[in-house]
Every structure is written in structure tokens, then in C-alpha cells.
C-alpha atoms as a PDB file:
ATOM      1  CA  MET A   1      81.533-117.711  61.559  1.00  0.00           C
ATOM      2  CA  ASN A   2      79.550-114.845  60.170  1.00  0.00           C
ATOM      3  CA  SER A   3      81.519-112.118  58.443  1.00  0.00           C
ATOM      4  CA  PRO A   4      80.549-108.546  59.270  1.00  0.00           C
ATOM      5  CA  ALA A   5      78.345-106.919  56.638  1.00  0.00           C
ATOM      6  CA  SER A   6      79.838-103.881  54.990  1.00  0.00           C
ATOM      7  CA  THR A   7      77.539-100.863  54.843  1.00  0.00           C
ATOM      8  CA  GLU A   8      79.856 -98.793  52.647  1.00  0.00           C
ATOM      9  CA  PRO A   9      78.970 -98.355  48.962  1.00  0.00           C
ATOM     10  CA  LEU A  10      81.002-100.524  46.616  1.00  0.00           C
ATOM     11  CA  ASN A  11      82.095 -97.681  44.341  1.00  0.00           C
ATOM     12  CA  GLN A  12      83.111 -95.236  47.040  1.00  0.00           C
ATOM     13  CA  ASP A  13      86.760 -95.477  46.040  1.00  0.00           C
ATOM     14  CA  LEU A  14      86.057 -94.482  42.411  1.00  0.00           C
ATOM     15  CA  ASP A  15      86.431 -90.779  41.718  1.00  0.00           C
ATOM     16  CA  ILE A  16      84.145 -90.228  38.748  1.00  0.00           C
ATOM     17  CA  GLY A  17      84.684 -86.850  37.139  1.00  0.00           C
ATOM     18  CA  PRO A  18      82.456 -84.900  34.763  1.00  0.00           C
ATOM     19  CA  TRP A  19      80.967 -86.705  31.784  1.00  0.00           C
ATOM     20  CA  TRP A  20      83.054 -84.823  29.210  1.00  0.00           C
ATOM     21  CA  ARG A  21      86.251 -86.302  30.590  1.00  0.00           C
ATOM     22  CA  GLU A  22      85.114 -89.838  29.755  1.00  0.00           C
ATOM     23  CA  PRO A  23      85.981 -91.221  26.296  1.00  0.00           C
ATOM     24  CA  TRP A  24      82.737 -93.149  25.672  1.00  0.00           C
ATOM     25  CA  PRO A  25      80.368 -90.210  25.135  1.00  0.00           C
ATOM     26  CA  TRP A  26      82.785 -88.726  22.598  1.00  0.00           C
ATOM     27  CA  LEU A  27      83.136 -92.035  20.766  1.00  0.00           C
ATOM     28  CA  LEU A  28      79.354 -92.421  20.639  1.00  0.00           C
ATOM     29  CA  MET A  29      78.896 -88.861  19.328  1.00  0.00           C
ATOM     30  CA  LEU A  30      81.633 -89.219  16.708  1.00  0.00           C
ATOM     31  CA  GLY A  31      79.519 -91.215  14.206  1.00  0.00           C
ATOM     32  CA  PRO A  32      76.572 -88.797  14.005  1.00  0.00           C
ATOM     33  CA  PHE A  33      78.970 -85.835  13.955  1.00  0.00           C
ATOM     34  CA  VAL A  34      80.852 -87.266  10.963  1.00  0.00           C
ATOM     35  CA  ALA A  35      77.522 -87.948   9.214  1.00  0.00           C
ATOM     36  CA  ILE A  36      76.405 -84.338   9.733  1.00  0.00           C
ATOM     37  CA  ILE A  37      79.692 -82.990   8.358  1.00  0.00           C
ATOM     38  CA  GLY A  38      79.480 -85.330   5.341  1.00  0.00           C
ATOM     39  CA  CYS A  39      75.890 -84.261   4.668  1.00  0.00           C
ATOM     40  CA  ALA A  40      76.845 -80.585   4.811  1.00  0.00           C
ATOM     41  CA  ILE A  41      79.744 -81.140   2.403  1.00  0.00           C
ATOM     42  CA  THR A  42      77.462 -83.059   0.015  1.00  0.00           C
ATOM     43  CA  ILE A  43      74.858 -80.272   0.041  1.00  0.00           C
ATOM     44  CA  VAL A  44      77.493 -77.582  -0.584  1.00  0.00           C
ATOM     45  CA  LEU A  45      79.016 -79.529  -3.485  1.00  0.00           C
ATOM     46  CA  ALA A  46      75.591 -80.224  -5.017  1.00  0.00           C
ATOM     47  CA  VAL A  47      74.579 -76.569  -4.868  1.00  0.00           C
ATOM     48  CA  GLN A  48      77.917 -75.323  -6.218  1.00  0.00           C
ATOM     49  CA  ASN A  49      78.163 -77.776  -9.107  1.00  0.00           C
ATOM     50  CA  TYR A  50      74.588 -78.579 -10.182  1.00  0.00           C
ATOM     51  CA  SER A  51      72.333 -75.681  -9.192  1.00  0.00           C
ATOM     52  CA  ASP A  52      72.322 -74.014 -12.633  1.00  0.00           C
ATOM     53  CA  GLN A  53      72.523 -77.141 -14.755  1.00  0.00           C
ATOM     54  CA  ALA A  54      70.427 -77.026 -17.929  1.00  0.00           C
ATOM     55  CA  ILE A  55      67.465 -79.343 -18.312  1.00  0.00           C
ATOM     56  CA  GLN A  56      68.344 -81.874 -21.030  1.00  0.00           C
ATOM     57  CA  ASP A  57      65.131 -83.901 -21.342  1.00  0.00           C
ATOM     58  CA  GLY A  58      62.785 -81.277 -22.840  1.00  0.00           C
ATOM     59  CA  GLY A  59      61.321 -80.027 -19.579  1.00  0.00           C
ATOM     60  CA  GLN A  60      60.594 -76.405 -18.836  1.00  0.00           C
ATOM     61  CA  ARG A  61      61.485 -74.628 -15.629  1.00  0.00           C
ATOM     62  CA  GLN A  62      58.902 -72.251 -14.182  1.00  0.00           C
ATOM     63  CA  GLY A  63      60.365 -70.957 -10.936  1.00  0.00           C
ATOM     64  CA  LEU A  64      61.208 -73.995  -8.850  1.00  0.00           C
ATOM     65  CA  VAL A  65      58.796 -76.263 -10.740  1.00  0.00           C
ATOM     66  CA  VAL A  66      60.037 -78.290 -13.703  1.00  0.00           C
ATOM     67  CA  THR A  67      57.319 -79.485 -16.069  1.00  0.00           C
ATOM     68  CA  LYS A  68      57.832 -82.054 -18.777  1.00  0.00           C
ATOM     69  CA  PRO A  69      55.495 -82.675 -21.709  1.00  0.00           C
ATOM     70  CA  ALA A  70      54.003 -86.139 -21.954  1.00  0.00           C
ATOM     71  CA  ALA A  71      56.231 -88.507 -23.926  1.00  0.00           C
ATOM     72  CA  THR A  72      54.597 -90.145 -26.931  1.00  0.00           C
ATOM     73  CA  ASP A  73      57.598 -92.162 -28.145  1.00  0.00           C
ATOM     74  CA  PRO A  74      59.723 -94.375 -25.923  1.00  0.00           C
ATOM     75  CA  PRO A  75      63.313 -93.233 -25.551  1.00  0.00           C
ATOM     76  CA  PRO A  76      65.839 -94.958 -27.833  1.00  0.00           C
ATOM     77  CA  ALA A  77      67.707 -97.916 -26.410  1.00  0.00           C
ATOM     78  CA  PRO A  78      71.368 -97.237 -25.616  1.00  0.00           C
END
């Protein structure tokens, strides 16, 4: 009444190829890849459009440092 025990591995019939032929790694890498591309586009647009923008609030640029004099009056309400 005992059935013979099988000594063969259970997944012997599966032919697993290289990892890059599976869809799951690519789907998992897609999110971070899209985030990196979006970040690069945002940085390029920010540098192209706002790098030489004038300072409107009375500050002074000295190299990369922007200094602003201490405000004595509160700004007017909109």
C-alpha cells in the first residue's frame, strides 16, 4: 500500500532561461527607471528656464550665495 517515493526534483521539467527573458524583473525595474527619467527631465527644464531668473525680493547674489537684508516691515497682505 505504500507508494514509491520519487527522488527526482519537482521542477526538473521546467526549463528556466536567463533572468532577462523573464517579464517580472523588467516590470519591477520599470518604476525606478521612469522616476529617474522624470527627475532628469525636471532638472533640465529647471536649469533651462530658471537658472538666470532675477531675484525679486531684494536679495543680492554673491556667487552662488544669495543674501537678503533683514526685513523690518511685514510684507503687504495680498
